[in-house]
N, C-alpha and C. Protein backbone atom coordinates (compact mmCIF):
# COMPACT_ATOMS: atom_id res chain seq x y z
N UNK A 1 -41.45 -1.56 16.00
CA UNK A 1 -41.78 -3.16 15.54
C UNK A 1 -41.33 -4.35 16.57
N UNK A 2 -42.17 -5.03 16.55
CA UNK A 2 -41.87 -6.24 17.33
C UNK A 2 -40.93 -7.30 15.76
N UNK A 3 -40.45 -7.93 16.77
CA UNK A 3 -39.15 -8.80 15.91
C UNK A 3 -39.95 -10.26 16.03
N UNK A 4 -39.67 -10.97 14.54
CA UNK A 4 -40.43 -12.49 15.18
C UNK A 4 -39.36 -13.66 15.61
N UNK A 5 -39.61 -14.20 16.11
CA UNK A 5 -38.50 -14.92 16.21
C UNK A 5 -38.13 -15.93 15.29
N UNK A 6 -36.73 -16.17 15.79
CA UNK A 6 -36.25 -17.10 14.26
C UNK A 6 -35.71 -16.36 13.75
N UNK A 7 -36.48 -15.65 12.39
CA UNK A 7 -35.93 -15.33 10.98
C UNK A 7 -35.42 -13.84 11.29
N UNK A 8 -36.23 -13.71 11.86
CA UNK A 8 -35.34 -11.82 11.93
C UNK A 8 -34.13 -11.26 12.98
N UNK A 9 -33.76 -12.43 13.97
CA UNK A 9 -32.86 -12.54 14.67
C UNK A 9 -31.31 -12.58 13.54
N UNK A 10 -31.57 -14.09 12.35
CA UNK A 10 -30.77 -13.84 11.71
C UNK A 10 -30.82 -12.87 10.81
N UNK A 11 -31.50 -12.16 10.43
CA UNK A 11 -31.68 -10.60 9.10
C UNK A 11 -30.40 -10.04 9.79
N UNK A 12 -30.96 -9.43 11.51
CA UNK A 12 -30.37 -8.39 12.46
C UNK A 12 -28.60 -8.85 12.74
N UNK A 13 -28.69 -10.13 12.32
CA UNK A 13 -27.16 -10.46 13.12
C UNK A 13 -26.65 -10.20 11.25
N UNK A 14 -27.26 -10.35 10.31
CA UNK A 14 -26.09 -10.35 9.31
C UNK A 14 -25.83 -9.05 9.10
N UNK A 15 -27.52 -8.01 9.38
CA UNK A 15 -27.09 -6.90 9.05
C UNK A 15 -26.16 -6.43 10.29
N UNK A 16 -25.74 -6.58 11.60
CA UNK A 16 -24.28 -6.23 12.03
C UNK A 16 -23.14 -7.03 11.05
N UNK A 17 -23.21 -8.38 10.44
CA UNK A 17 -21.89 -8.49 10.09
C UNK A 17 -21.42 -7.82 8.74
N UNK A 18 -22.03 -7.48 8.23
CA UNK A 18 -21.82 -6.39 7.03
C UNK A 18 -21.58 -4.45 7.82
N UNK A 19 -22.01 -4.54 8.77
CA UNK A 19 -21.41 -3.32 9.47
C UNK A 19 -20.27 -3.37 9.63
N UNK A 20 -20.33 -4.38 10.14
CA UNK A 20 -18.40 -4.56 11.00
C UNK A 20 -17.50 -4.79 9.73
N UNK A 21 -18.04 -6.04 8.79
CA UNK A 21 -17.29 -6.43 7.36
C UNK A 21 -17.40 -4.37 6.27
N UNK A 22 -17.82 -3.39 5.78
CA UNK A 22 -17.62 -2.03 6.20
C UNK A 22 -16.82 -1.27 6.75
N UNK A 23 -16.89 -1.44 7.75
CA UNK A 23 -16.00 -0.96 8.51
C UNK A 23 -14.98 -1.32 8.93
N UNK A 24 -14.14 -2.75 8.51
CA UNK A 24 -12.91 -3.10 8.19
C UNK A 24 -12.91 -2.30 6.79
N UNK A 25 -13.67 -2.21 5.92
CA UNK A 25 -12.75 -1.47 4.46
C UNK A 25 -12.16 -0.63 4.76
N UNK A 26 -13.17 -0.35 5.11
CA UNK A 26 -13.26 1.71 5.36
C UNK A 26 -12.10 1.98 6.03
N UNK A 27 -11.76 1.43 6.93
CA UNK A 27 -10.58 1.57 7.96
C UNK A 27 -9.29 1.19 7.02
N UNK A 28 -9.87 -0.34 6.04
CA UNK A 28 -8.36 -1.02 4.57
C UNK A 28 -8.13 0.65 4.00
N UNK A 29 -9.07 1.43 3.49
CA UNK A 29 -9.20 2.23 2.95
C UNK A 29 -8.20 3.54 3.25
N UNK A 30 -9.02 3.96 3.95
CA UNK A 30 -8.39 5.02 5.13
C UNK A 30 -6.86 4.47 5.03
N UNK A 31 -5.85 3.34 4.93
CA UNK A 31 -4.84 3.88 5.67
C UNK A 31 -4.12 3.59 4.54
N UNK A 32 -4.46 3.71 3.20
CA UNK A 32 -3.52 3.34 2.04
C UNK A 32 -4.14 4.45 0.87
N UNK A 33 -5.11 5.34 1.79
CA UNK A 33 -5.25 6.02 0.27
C UNK A 33 -4.62 7.43 0.42
N UNK A 34 -3.14 7.09 1.48
CA UNK A 34 -2.83 8.60 1.55
C UNK A 34 -1.23 8.12 1.20
N UNK A 35 -1.38 7.23 -0.22
CA UNK A 35 0.30 6.81 -0.37
C UNK A 35 0.85 7.84 -1.11
N UNK A 36 1.94 7.60 -1.43
CA UNK A 36 2.51 8.57 -2.44
C UNK A 36 3.64 7.34 -3.09
N UNK A 37 3.13 6.37 -2.90
CA UNK A 37 3.68 4.82 -3.83
C UNK A 37 3.46 4.04 -3.98
N UNK A 38 3.37 3.15 -4.65
CA UNK A 38 2.73 1.76 -5.47
C UNK A 38 2.87 0.94 -6.05
N UNK A 39 3.16 -0.60 -5.63
CA UNK A 39 3.66 -1.36 -5.98
C UNK A 39 3.84 -1.60 -7.69
N UNK A 40 5.00 -1.04 -8.03
CA UNK A 40 6.14 -1.24 -9.60
C UNK A 40 6.45 -0.32 -9.21
N UNK A 41 6.05 1.40 -8.84
CA UNK A 41 5.99 2.28 -9.27
C UNK A 41 8.27 1.46 -9.23
N UNK A 42 8.89 2.79 -10.01
CA UNK A 42 10.42 2.85 -10.04
C UNK A 42 10.57 3.70 -9.60
N UNK A 43 11.85 3.96 -8.41
CA UNK A 43 11.96 5.01 -7.30
C UNK A 43 13.30 5.10 -6.76
N UNK A 44 13.82 6.37 -6.43
CA UNK A 44 15.13 6.17 -6.22
C UNK A 44 15.18 6.75 -5.20
N UNK A 45 15.82 6.23 -4.42
CA UNK A 45 16.23 6.26 -2.65
C UNK A 45 17.56 6.08 -2.53
N UNK A 46 17.84 6.43 -1.22
CA UNK A 46 19.02 6.64 -0.57
C UNK A 46 19.23 5.85 0.46
N UNK A 47 20.51 4.89 0.59
CA UNK A 47 21.13 4.03 1.48
C UNK A 47 21.74 4.77 2.82
N UNK A 48 21.55 3.65 3.89
CA UNK A 48 22.08 4.57 5.10
C UNK A 48 23.71 5.27 5.03
N UNK A 49 24.53 4.77 4.03
CA UNK A 49 25.74 5.04 3.25
C UNK A 49 25.65 6.38 2.95
N UNK A 50 24.34 6.36 1.73
CA UNK A 50 24.73 7.97 1.35
C UNK A 50 24.12 7.98 -0.27
N UNK A 51 24.90 5.91 -1.07
CA UNK A 51 24.81 6.13 -1.78
C UNK A 51 22.75 6.41 -1.87
N UNK A 52 23.04 6.65 -3.96
CA UNK A 52 21.60 6.90 -4.02
C UNK A 52 21.61 5.56 -5.48
N UNK A 53 20.49 4.93 -5.69
CA UNK A 53 20.19 4.56 -5.94
C UNK A 53 18.94 4.20 -6.55
N UNK A 54 18.60 3.00 -7.54
CA UNK A 54 17.09 2.67 -8.02
C UNK A 54 16.25 1.50 -8.24
N UNK A 55 15.15 1.44 -8.20
CA UNK A 55 14.98 0.21 -7.82
C UNK A 55 13.40 0.26 -7.73
N UNK A 56 12.55 -1.00 -8.11
CA UNK A 56 11.56 -1.56 -8.62
C UNK A 56 10.61 -1.44 -7.29
N UNK A 57 9.59 -0.99 -6.73
CA UNK A 57 8.87 -1.50 -6.02
C UNK A 57 7.96 -2.79 -5.62
N UNK A 58 8.48 -3.01 -4.47
CA UNK A 58 7.71 -4.88 -4.29
C UNK A 58 6.44 -5.07 -3.52
N UNK A 59 6.85 -4.31 -2.47
CA UNK A 59 5.80 -4.21 -1.39
C UNK A 59 5.55 -2.84 -0.84
N UNK A 60 4.56 -2.32 0.09
CA UNK A 60 4.56 -1.87 1.58
C UNK A 60 3.97 -2.50 2.36
N UNK A 61 5.25 -1.56 3.30
CA UNK A 61 4.14 -2.55 4.86
C UNK A 61 4.61 -1.01 5.83
N UNK A 62 3.37 -1.57 6.23
CA UNK A 62 3.19 -0.13 7.57
C UNK A 62 3.57 -0.56 9.24
N UNK A 63 4.90 -0.10 9.07
CA UNK A 63 5.25 -0.30 10.75
C UNK A 63 4.92 0.37 11.77
N UNK A 64 3.92 0.63 12.88
CA UNK A 64 4.39 1.89 13.57
C UNK A 64 3.69 2.54 12.81
N UNK A 65 3.12 3.09 11.85
CA UNK A 65 2.39 4.34 11.22
C UNK A 65 3.55 4.44 10.01
N UNK A 66 4.03 3.88 10.41
CA UNK A 66 5.58 3.71 9.04
C UNK A 66 5.32 3.84 8.11
N UNK A 67 5.38 3.76 6.95
CA UNK A 67 5.58 2.89 5.82
C UNK A 67 7.02 2.52 4.75
N UNK A 68 7.20 1.03 4.57
CA UNK A 68 8.29 0.62 4.89
C UNK A 68 8.17 -0.07 3.44
N UNK A 69 8.97 0.00 2.03
CA UNK A 69 8.93 -0.06 1.06
C UNK A 69 10.15 -1.34 1.02
N UNK A 70 9.77 -2.54 0.69
CA UNK A 70 10.40 -3.89 -0.29
C UNK A 70 10.93 -3.53 -1.70
N UNK A 71 12.47 -2.79 -1.74
CA UNK A 71 12.03 -2.54 -3.10
C UNK A 71 13.52 -3.45 -3.88
N UNK A 72 13.18 -4.08 -5.28
CA UNK A 72 14.16 -4.57 -5.82
C UNK A 72 15.28 -3.95 -6.46
N UNK A 73 16.29 -3.59 -6.26
CA UNK A 73 17.51 -2.58 -6.98
C UNK A 73 17.60 -3.35 -8.18
N UNK A 74 17.97 -2.48 -9.46
CA UNK A 74 18.52 -2.73 -10.28
C UNK A 74 19.69 -3.83 -10.47
N UNK A 75 20.26 -3.36 -9.41
CA UNK A 75 21.68 -3.72 -9.94
C UNK A 75 22.09 -4.81 -8.73
N UNK A 76 20.64 -6.20 -8.54
CA UNK A 76 20.06 -7.24 -8.02
C UNK A 76 20.57 -7.29 -6.98
N UNK A 77 20.52 -6.60 -5.89
CA UNK A 77 19.93 -6.47 -4.78
C UNK A 77 18.75 -5.84 -4.17
N UNK A 78 18.13 -6.59 -2.69
CA UNK A 78 16.30 -6.17 -2.89
C UNK A 78 17.46 -5.65 -1.34
N UNK A 79 16.19 -4.18 -1.49
CA UNK A 79 16.60 -3.50 -0.45
C UNK A 79 14.94 -2.98 1.11
N UNK A 80 15.53 -2.38 1.87
CA UNK A 80 14.05 -2.56 2.48
C UNK A 80 14.26 -1.05 3.25
N UNK A 81 13.17 -0.11 2.62
CA UNK A 81 13.70 1.76 2.57
C UNK A 81 12.62 1.77 3.51
N UNK A 82 12.79 3.03 4.65
CA UNK A 82 11.40 3.35 4.52
C UNK A 82 11.41 4.74 3.88
N UNK A 83 9.84 5.29 4.15
CA UNK A 83 9.93 6.33 2.99
C UNK A 83 10.30 7.80 3.07
N UNK A 84 11.11 8.01 4.12
CA UNK A 84 11.45 9.53 4.87
C UNK A 84 13.33 9.57 3.40
N UNK A 85 13.60 8.35 3.12
CA UNK A 85 14.83 8.13 2.57
C UNK A 85 14.47 7.90 0.74
N UNK A 86 13.27 7.88 0.74
CA UNK A 86 13.18 7.75 -1.18
C UNK A 86 12.51 9.25 -1.37
N UNK A 87 13.56 9.34 -2.29
CA UNK A 87 13.72 10.30 -3.18
C UNK A 87 12.58 10.93 -4.39
N UNK A 88 12.59 9.93 -4.94
CA UNK A 88 11.77 10.28 -5.98
C UNK A 88 11.01 9.19 -6.64
N UNK A 89 10.12 9.60 -6.94
CA UNK A 89 9.16 8.37 -7.77
C UNK A 89 8.92 8.18 -9.51
N UNK A 90 8.54 6.94 -10.42
CA UNK A 90 8.63 7.72 -11.68
C UNK A 90 7.27 6.37 -11.91
N UNK A 91 6.12 5.74 -12.92
CA UNK A 91 5.32 5.02 -13.01
C UNK A 91 5.99 3.76 -13.51
N UNK A 92 5.98 3.19 -13.68
CA UNK A 92 6.09 2.34 -14.45
C UNK A 92 5.81 2.23 -15.44
N UNK A 93 4.73 2.65 -16.46
CA UNK A 93 4.30 2.31 -17.58
C UNK A 93 4.89 3.60 -17.79
N UNK A 94 5.30 4.72 -17.06
CA UNK A 94 5.55 5.52 -18.13
C UNK A 94 7.64 5.19 -18.09
N UNK A 95 7.95 4.86 -17.05
CA UNK A 95 8.96 4.89 -17.64
C UNK A 95 9.51 3.41 -19.00
N UNK A 96 8.31 2.07 -18.61
CA UNK A 96 8.12 2.10 -20.32
C UNK A 96 8.15 2.14 -21.07
N UNK A 97 7.46 3.46 -21.66
CA UNK A 97 6.64 3.93 -22.91
C UNK A 97 7.13 5.02 -22.85
N UNK A 98 8.67 6.08 -22.34
CA UNK A 98 9.04 6.96 -22.39
C UNK A 98 9.85 7.56 -24.19
N UNK A 99 9.20 7.69 -25.09
CA UNK A 99 9.88 7.28 -26.50
C UNK A 99 10.47 9.17 -26.37
N UNK A 100 10.92 10.09 -25.67
CA UNK A 100 11.78 10.69 -25.96
C UNK A 100 13.17 10.15 -25.67
N UNK A 101 13.20 9.83 -26.02
CA UNK A 101 14.80 8.96 -25.31
C UNK A 101 15.18 8.78 -26.52
């Protein structure tokens, strides 16, 4: 197939842009699909001192292939907790609509 000057080159550039876009989208999807915790989850976590606290996940960050959770504690403090220190989680919706109490 021969290319026509001008318009076909723009078409090919658009295809390469779409390929690049979907490649970045795939890498982002692959990075975040194996997550155990999501924004809005209520988690129990252990501090370095050994205390166990409970809080709401506000942000999740990846630093050197380790997930760091930024948590607003229910006692008024904010925490930066590695994923390994999280003990358990419960969904915010489950917590709000739990009528068994």
